[in-house]
Amino acid sequence: MSGRKNWNAALHARLKILVPVMVAVAACGGTNDTGSRNTSGAGPAPVDLGAAGDLAGAAGYVILAKTAVTNVPTSAVTGNVGLSPAAASFLSGFSSTLPAGGAASTSAQVVGKMYAPDYAAPTPANLTAAIGKMQAAYTDAAGRTGPDKTELGAGSIGGLTLAPGLYKWTSAVTIPTDVTLAGTSSDVWIFQIAGDLTLSAAKKVLLSGGATARNITWQVAGRATLGTTSHFEGTILCETGITLQTGATVNGHLFAQTQVALDGNSLTAP
C-alpha cells in the first residue's frame, strides 16, 4: 500500500506542473493571430494615435514629421501640421505667418494651424509628446504578431479587394492598379511593410461597405510615394520619408520620422 501511495503522490505532483502548461498551450491555439483583436468589429485592434484635436497626440495633426515638411504650392491641407525637433524654417513652401510671440502660424494653404518647436509655449511640449505618440504608434503597428495574410500578391496588391485584418510583407508593396478595402466602419486594417510603399500615378485606394480611413494604418519601414493624381486612404506611419507627387490626394494622416514632401496636393484628416 505504501508503494501505491507514493506513486499516487508523485503522479499528483506531476499533474500540478503539467495542467497549467496544457492550459497555456490551448489558449494559444486555434488561430494564426496572436496579437490583440478588434472588440468592435473585424480585424486587429486599432493603432492608438491619441484623440482627434489633441495637440499632444498624433491624431491632432494631419501631417507630423521630424526633419521637414516641404511644399510646392499650391496645396490644400485640412488639419494641423506639426514639425519637431526641426525648427520652423523647415516648414517650407506654405508662406506661413506667425504672430509675435505666437504658439502657431497660419497659411492660406492650411485649414488649421502649423506648429514648430521654436514657437511659444505650449507648442514645444505638445510637439514632443505628439512625436512620441507617433513613434509609439509606429512601434505598435510594426510589432503586431500573427498576421492574417503574409506576402500577399508577392507585394503587388493592385486589383485586389482586402478584408479587414493584419497584413505583413517582408519586402516592398506596390499598388499598380486600384485596390479596394471592403468592410464596415468598425473594421480595422493594419499593413506591415518592411520595404517601400508605392501607389502608381492616377491609381486609387478605394473604400467600400462603410470602411473608414481612420481605421486603416500603413506601417512603412522604407519610403512611401504616392504617384501623380493618385488617391490614398488611411494613416501612413513611415520610418523614413513620405512623398506626394503632383496632384495626389489623401484622406488620412501622414506621419514621418523624417520628412513629408508635398507638391500641389489635397489632404484631409479623417
Protein backbone atom coordinates (compact mmCIF):
# COMPACT_ATOMS: atom_id res chain seq x y z
CA MET A 1 0.00 0.00 0.00
CA SER A 2 2.82 2.40 0.85
CA GLY A 3 4.20 1.95 -2.72
CA ARG A 4 0.81 2.82 -4.23
CA LYS A 5 0.52 5.92 -2.01
CA ASN A 6 3.97 7.06 -3.04
CA TRP A 7 3.11 6.52 -6.72
CA ASN A 8 -0.16 8.50 -6.38
CA ALA A 9 1.63 11.34 -4.65
CA ALA A 10 4.23 11.50 -7.40
CA LEU A 11 1.52 11.48 -10.11
CA HIS A 12 -0.39 14.25 -8.35
CA ALA A 13 2.76 16.40 -8.20
CA ARG A 14 3.41 15.91 -11.91
CA LEU A 15 -0.17 16.86 -12.82
CA LYS A 16 0.09 20.10 -10.83
CA ILE A 17 3.00 21.06 -13.08
CA LEU A 18 1.52 19.87 -16.40
CA VAL A 19 -2.03 21.20 -16.17
CA PRO A 20 -1.12 24.93 -16.21
CA VAL A 21 1.20 24.31 -19.14
CA MET A 22 -1.54 22.49 -21.08
CA VAL A 23 -3.99 25.30 -20.41
CA ALA A 24 -1.49 27.92 -21.61
CA VAL A 25 -0.80 25.96 -24.82
CA ALA A 26 -4.52 25.55 -25.50
CA ALA A 27 -5.09 29.26 -25.05
CA CYS A 28 -2.58 29.99 -27.80
CA GLY A 29 -4.10 27.60 -30.32
CA GLY A 30 -7.00 27.82 -32.74
CA THR A 31 -5.95 30.94 -34.68
CA ASN A 32 -2.99 32.30 -36.57
CA ASP A 33 -3.37 35.63 -34.80
CA THR A 34 -1.53 36.03 -31.51
CA GLY A 35 -1.99 39.80 -31.40
CA SER A 36 -4.80 41.86 -29.92
CA ARG A 37 -8.09 41.84 -31.83
CA ASN A 38 -10.67 44.49 -32.52
CA THR A 39 -13.51 44.24 -29.98
CA SER A 40 -15.88 46.39 -32.03
CA GLY A 41 -15.55 44.77 -35.45
CA ALA A 42 -13.32 42.61 -37.63
CA GLY A 43 -9.55 42.80 -37.84
CA PRO A 44 -6.86 43.69 -35.30
CA ALA A 45 -7.22 46.21 -32.51
CA PRO A 46 -6.78 49.75 -33.87
CA VAL A 47 -3.49 51.60 -33.50
CA ASP A 48 -3.76 54.34 -30.87
CA LEU A 49 -2.92 57.78 -32.29
CA GLY A 50 -4.49 59.73 -29.45
CA ALA A 51 -7.66 61.80 -29.54
CA ALA A 52 -8.56 63.92 -32.56
CA GLY A 53 -7.88 67.57 -31.79
CA ASP A 54 -5.36 66.79 -29.04
CA LEU A 55 -2.19 68.68 -29.94
CA ALA A 56 -0.19 66.46 -27.58
CA GLY A 57 -1.27 63.38 -29.55
CA ALA A 58 -0.52 62.35 -33.12
CA ALA A 59 -4.19 62.41 -34.16
CA GLY A 60 -4.22 66.17 -33.59
CA TYR A 61 -2.32 66.60 -36.87
CA VAL A 62 -2.89 65.66 -40.50
CA ILE A 63 0.89 65.94 -41.11
CA LEU A 64 3.52 65.26 -38.46
CA ALA A 65 7.23 64.99 -39.24
CA LYS A 66 10.60 65.26 -37.54
CA THR A 67 13.01 66.82 -40.08
CA ALA A 68 10.97 68.81 -42.62
CA VAL A 69 7.61 69.46 -44.25
CA THR A 70 8.12 70.87 -47.75
CA ASN A 71 5.51 72.09 -50.18
CA VAL A 72 5.41 73.10 -53.84
CA PRO A 73 2.37 75.42 -53.96
CA THR A 74 -0.47 75.29 -54.14
CA SER A 75 -1.66 72.59 -51.74
CA ALA A 76 -4.90 72.38 -49.76
CA VAL A 77 -4.36 70.88 -46.31
CA THR A 78 -7.30 70.42 -43.93
CA GLY A 79 -5.94 69.77 -40.45
CA ASN A 80 -2.94 70.83 -38.40
CA VAL A 81 0.69 70.49 -39.49
CA GLY A 82 3.39 69.72 -36.91
CA LEU A 83 7.18 69.55 -37.10
CA SER A 84 9.68 68.63 -34.37
CA PRO A 85 12.53 68.68 -33.48
CA ALA A 86 13.44 70.59 -36.69
CA ALA A 87 12.71 74.32 -36.46
CA ALA A 88 10.03 76.36 -38.24
CA SER A 89 12.45 77.22 -41.05
CA PHE A 90 11.99 73.62 -42.24
CA LEU A 91 8.27 74.24 -42.82
CA SER A 92 8.75 75.50 -46.36
CA GLY A 93 6.51 76.48 -49.26
CA PHE A 94 3.47 77.46 -47.19
CA SER A 95 4.05 81.24 -46.94
CA SER A 96 3.01 80.96 -43.32
CA THR A 97 2.55 83.84 -40.91
CA LEU A 98 3.49 83.75 -37.22
CA PRO A 99 2.14 86.45 -34.89
CA ALA A 100 4.66 87.96 -32.49
CA GLY A 101 5.08 85.54 -29.59
CA GLY A 102 2.63 83.14 -31.22
CA ALA A 103 2.26 79.43 -30.50
CA ALA A 104 1.11 78.63 -34.06
CA SER A 105 1.44 80.00 -37.57
CA THR A 106 -1.18 80.14 -40.31
CA SER A 107 -1.17 79.67 -44.07
CA ALA A 108 -3.72 80.23 -46.81
CA GLN A 109 -2.97 76.64 -47.88
CA VAL A 110 -3.80 75.15 -44.47
CA VAL A 111 -7.27 74.97 -42.92
CA GLY A 112 -5.85 74.52 -39.47
CA LYS A 113 -2.61 75.71 -37.90
CA MET A 114 1.09 74.99 -38.22
CA TYR A 115 3.31 74.18 -35.26
CA ALA A 116 7.08 74.09 -34.76
CA PRO A 117 9.24 73.65 -31.64
CA ASP A 118 10.62 77.20 -31.72
CA TYR A 119 7.12 78.68 -31.33
CA ALA A 120 5.79 79.86 -27.97
CA ALA A 121 4.55 77.55 -25.22
CA PRO A 122 2.76 75.18 -25.02
CA THR A 123 3.74 74.20 -28.57
CA PRO A 124 7.24 72.75 -27.84
CA ALA A 125 5.93 70.42 -25.13
CA ASN A 126 2.89 69.43 -27.19
CA LEU A 127 5.05 68.56 -30.19
CA THR A 128 7.46 66.48 -28.11
CA ALA A 129 4.51 64.50 -26.79
CA ALA A 130 2.91 64.17 -30.24
CA ILE A 131 6.14 62.94 -31.84
CA GLY A 132 6.50 60.44 -29.01
CA LYS A 133 2.95 59.25 -29.67
CA MET A 134 3.69 58.93 -33.39
CA GLN A 135 6.79 56.83 -32.72
CA ALA A 136 4.91 54.67 -30.20
CA ALA A 137 2.17 54.10 -32.79
CA TYR A 138 4.78 53.03 -35.35
CA THR A 139 6.31 50.58 -32.87
CA ASP A 140 2.87 49.22 -32.00
CA ALA A 141 1.88 48.68 -35.64
CA ALA A 142 5.23 47.14 -36.56
CA GLY A 143 5.16 44.83 -33.56
CA ARG A 144 1.75 43.24 -34.13
CA THR A 145 2.02 39.46 -34.41
CA GLY A 146 0.04 36.68 -36.08
CA PRO A 147 -0.80 38.28 -39.44
CA ASP A 148 -3.93 37.15 -41.26
CA LYS A 149 -2.05 37.32 -44.57
CA THR A 150 1.67 37.29 -45.34
CA GLU A 151 3.38 38.26 -48.61
CA LEU A 152 0.00 38.69 -50.35
CA GLY A 153 0.45 39.07 -54.10
CA ALA A 154 4.22 38.96 -53.61
CA GLY A 155 3.83 42.62 -52.69
CA SER A 156 1.74 43.71 -55.69
CA ILE A 157 -1.79 44.27 -54.40
CA GLY A 158 -3.41 46.22 -57.25
CA GLY A 159 -6.79 44.88 -58.31
CA LEU A 160 -7.42 43.10 -55.01
CA THR A 161 -10.25 43.53 -52.52
CA LEU A 162 -8.88 43.31 -48.99
CA ALA A 163 -10.93 42.24 -45.99
CA PRO A 164 -10.17 43.65 -42.53
CA GLY A 165 -7.05 42.13 -40.99
CA LEU A 166 -3.35 42.29 -40.30
CA TYR A 167 -1.21 42.03 -43.45
CA LYS A 168 2.55 41.58 -43.50
CA TRP A 169 5.22 41.88 -46.19
CA THR A 170 8.97 41.44 -45.79
CA SER A 171 9.63 43.44 -48.96
CA ALA A 172 8.19 46.42 -50.84
CA VAL A 173 4.49 46.85 -51.65
CA THR A 174 3.25 48.33 -54.93
CA ILE A 175 -0.27 49.34 -55.95
CA PRO A 176 -0.15 49.48 -59.78
CA THR A 177 -3.95 49.41 -60.16
CA ASP A 178 -6.80 50.36 -57.84
CA VAL A 179 -7.10 48.38 -54.61
CA THR A 180 -10.28 48.15 -52.51
CA LEU A 181 -10.62 47.79 -48.75
CA ALA A 182 -14.06 46.32 -48.02
CA GLY A 183 -15.57 46.32 -44.55
CA THR A 184 -17.70 48.23 -42.08
CA SER A 185 -16.99 51.45 -40.21
CA SER A 186 -15.90 49.40 -37.16
CA ASP A 187 -13.43 47.19 -39.01
CA VAL A 188 -9.64 47.65 -38.88
CA TRP A 189 -6.77 47.14 -41.30
CA ILE A 190 -3.06 47.19 -40.46
CA PHE A 191 -0.44 46.79 -43.20
CA GLN A 192 3.12 45.97 -42.12
CA ILE A 193 5.57 46.78 -44.92
CA ALA A 194 9.30 46.15 -44.47
CA GLY A 195 10.26 47.96 -47.69
CA ASP A 196 8.83 50.86 -49.69
CA LEU A 197 5.17 51.60 -50.43
CA THR A 198 4.36 52.91 -53.91
CA LEU A 199 0.96 53.93 -55.28
CA SER A 200 1.15 54.39 -59.04
CA ALA A 201 0.06 57.54 -60.84
CA ALA A 202 -3.72 58.05 -61.12
CA LYS A 203 -4.45 54.90 -59.11
CA LYS A 204 -6.61 54.78 -56.01
CA VAL A 205 -7.05 53.13 -52.65
CA LEU A 206 -10.83 52.70 -52.53
CA LEU A 207 -13.13 52.01 -49.58
CA SER A 208 -16.40 50.08 -49.66
CA GLY A 209 -19.05 48.84 -47.26
CA GLY A 210 -18.57 51.75 -44.86
CA ALA A 211 -14.83 51.27 -44.27
CA THR A 212 -13.21 54.42 -42.86
CA ALA A 213 -9.73 55.89 -43.28
CA ARG A 214 -9.34 56.41 -39.52
CA ASN A 215 -9.22 52.61 -39.07
CA ILE A 216 -6.55 51.97 -41.71
CA THR A 217 -2.84 52.01 -40.82
CA TRP A 218 0.04 51.57 -43.25
CA GLN A 219 3.29 50.97 -41.32
CA VAL A 220 6.15 51.50 -43.76
CA ALA A 221 9.80 50.92 -42.90
CA GLY A 222 11.03 52.32 -46.24
CA ARG A 223 9.77 55.29 -48.22
CA ALA A 224 6.15 55.96 -49.14
CA THR A 225 5.46 57.51 -52.56
CA LEU A 226 2.02 58.47 -53.84
CA GLY A 227 2.05 58.98 -57.60
CA THR A 228 0.73 61.90 -59.63
CA THR A 229 -3.06 62.42 -59.22
CA SER A 230 -3.36 59.22 -57.16
CA HIS A 231 -5.73 58.93 -54.20
CA PHE A 232 -4.87 57.35 -50.85
CA GLU A 233 -6.88 56.37 -47.77
CA GLY A 234 -5.57 55.81 -44.25
CA THR A 235 -2.70 56.75 -41.96
CA ILE A 236 0.88 56.29 -43.16
CA LEU A 237 3.32 55.67 -40.30
CA CYS A 238 6.65 55.91 -42.10
CA GLU A 239 10.09 55.33 -40.64
CA THR A 240 11.66 57.34 -43.46
CA GLY A 241 10.14 59.85 -45.88
CA ILE A 242 6.70 60.38 -47.45
CA THR A 243 6.50 61.96 -50.91
CA LEU A 244 3.30 63.06 -52.64
CA GLN A 245 3.75 63.72 -56.32
CA THR A 246 1.82 66.43 -58.17
CA GLY A 247 -1.92 66.35 -57.59
CA ALA A 248 -2.02 63.31 -55.29
CA THR A 249 -4.82 63.40 -52.69
CA VAL A 250 -5.05 61.84 -49.24
CA ASN A 251 -7.86 61.16 -46.80
CA GLY A 252 -5.84 60.28 -43.73
CA HIS A 253 -2.68 61.20 -41.83
CA LEU A 254 0.93 61.48 -43.00
CA PHE A 255 3.33 60.71 -40.13
CA ALA A 256 7.03 60.51 -40.98
CA GLN A 257 10.10 60.05 -38.82
CA THR A 258 11.99 62.15 -41.39
CA GLN A 259 10.21 64.46 -43.86
CA VAL A 260 6.92 64.86 -45.71
CA ALA A 261 7.11 66.40 -49.21
CA LEU A 262 4.03 67.89 -50.90
CA ASP A 263 3.53 69.09 -54.47
CA GLY A 264 0.16 70.69 -55.13
CA ASN A 265 -1.75 68.15 -53.06
CA SER A 266 -5.05 67.92 -51.20
CA LEU A 267 -5.06 66.34 -47.73
CA THR A 268 -7.87 65.90 -45.22
CA ALA A 269 -7.67 64.42 -41.74
CA PRO A 270 -10.19 61.57 -41.39
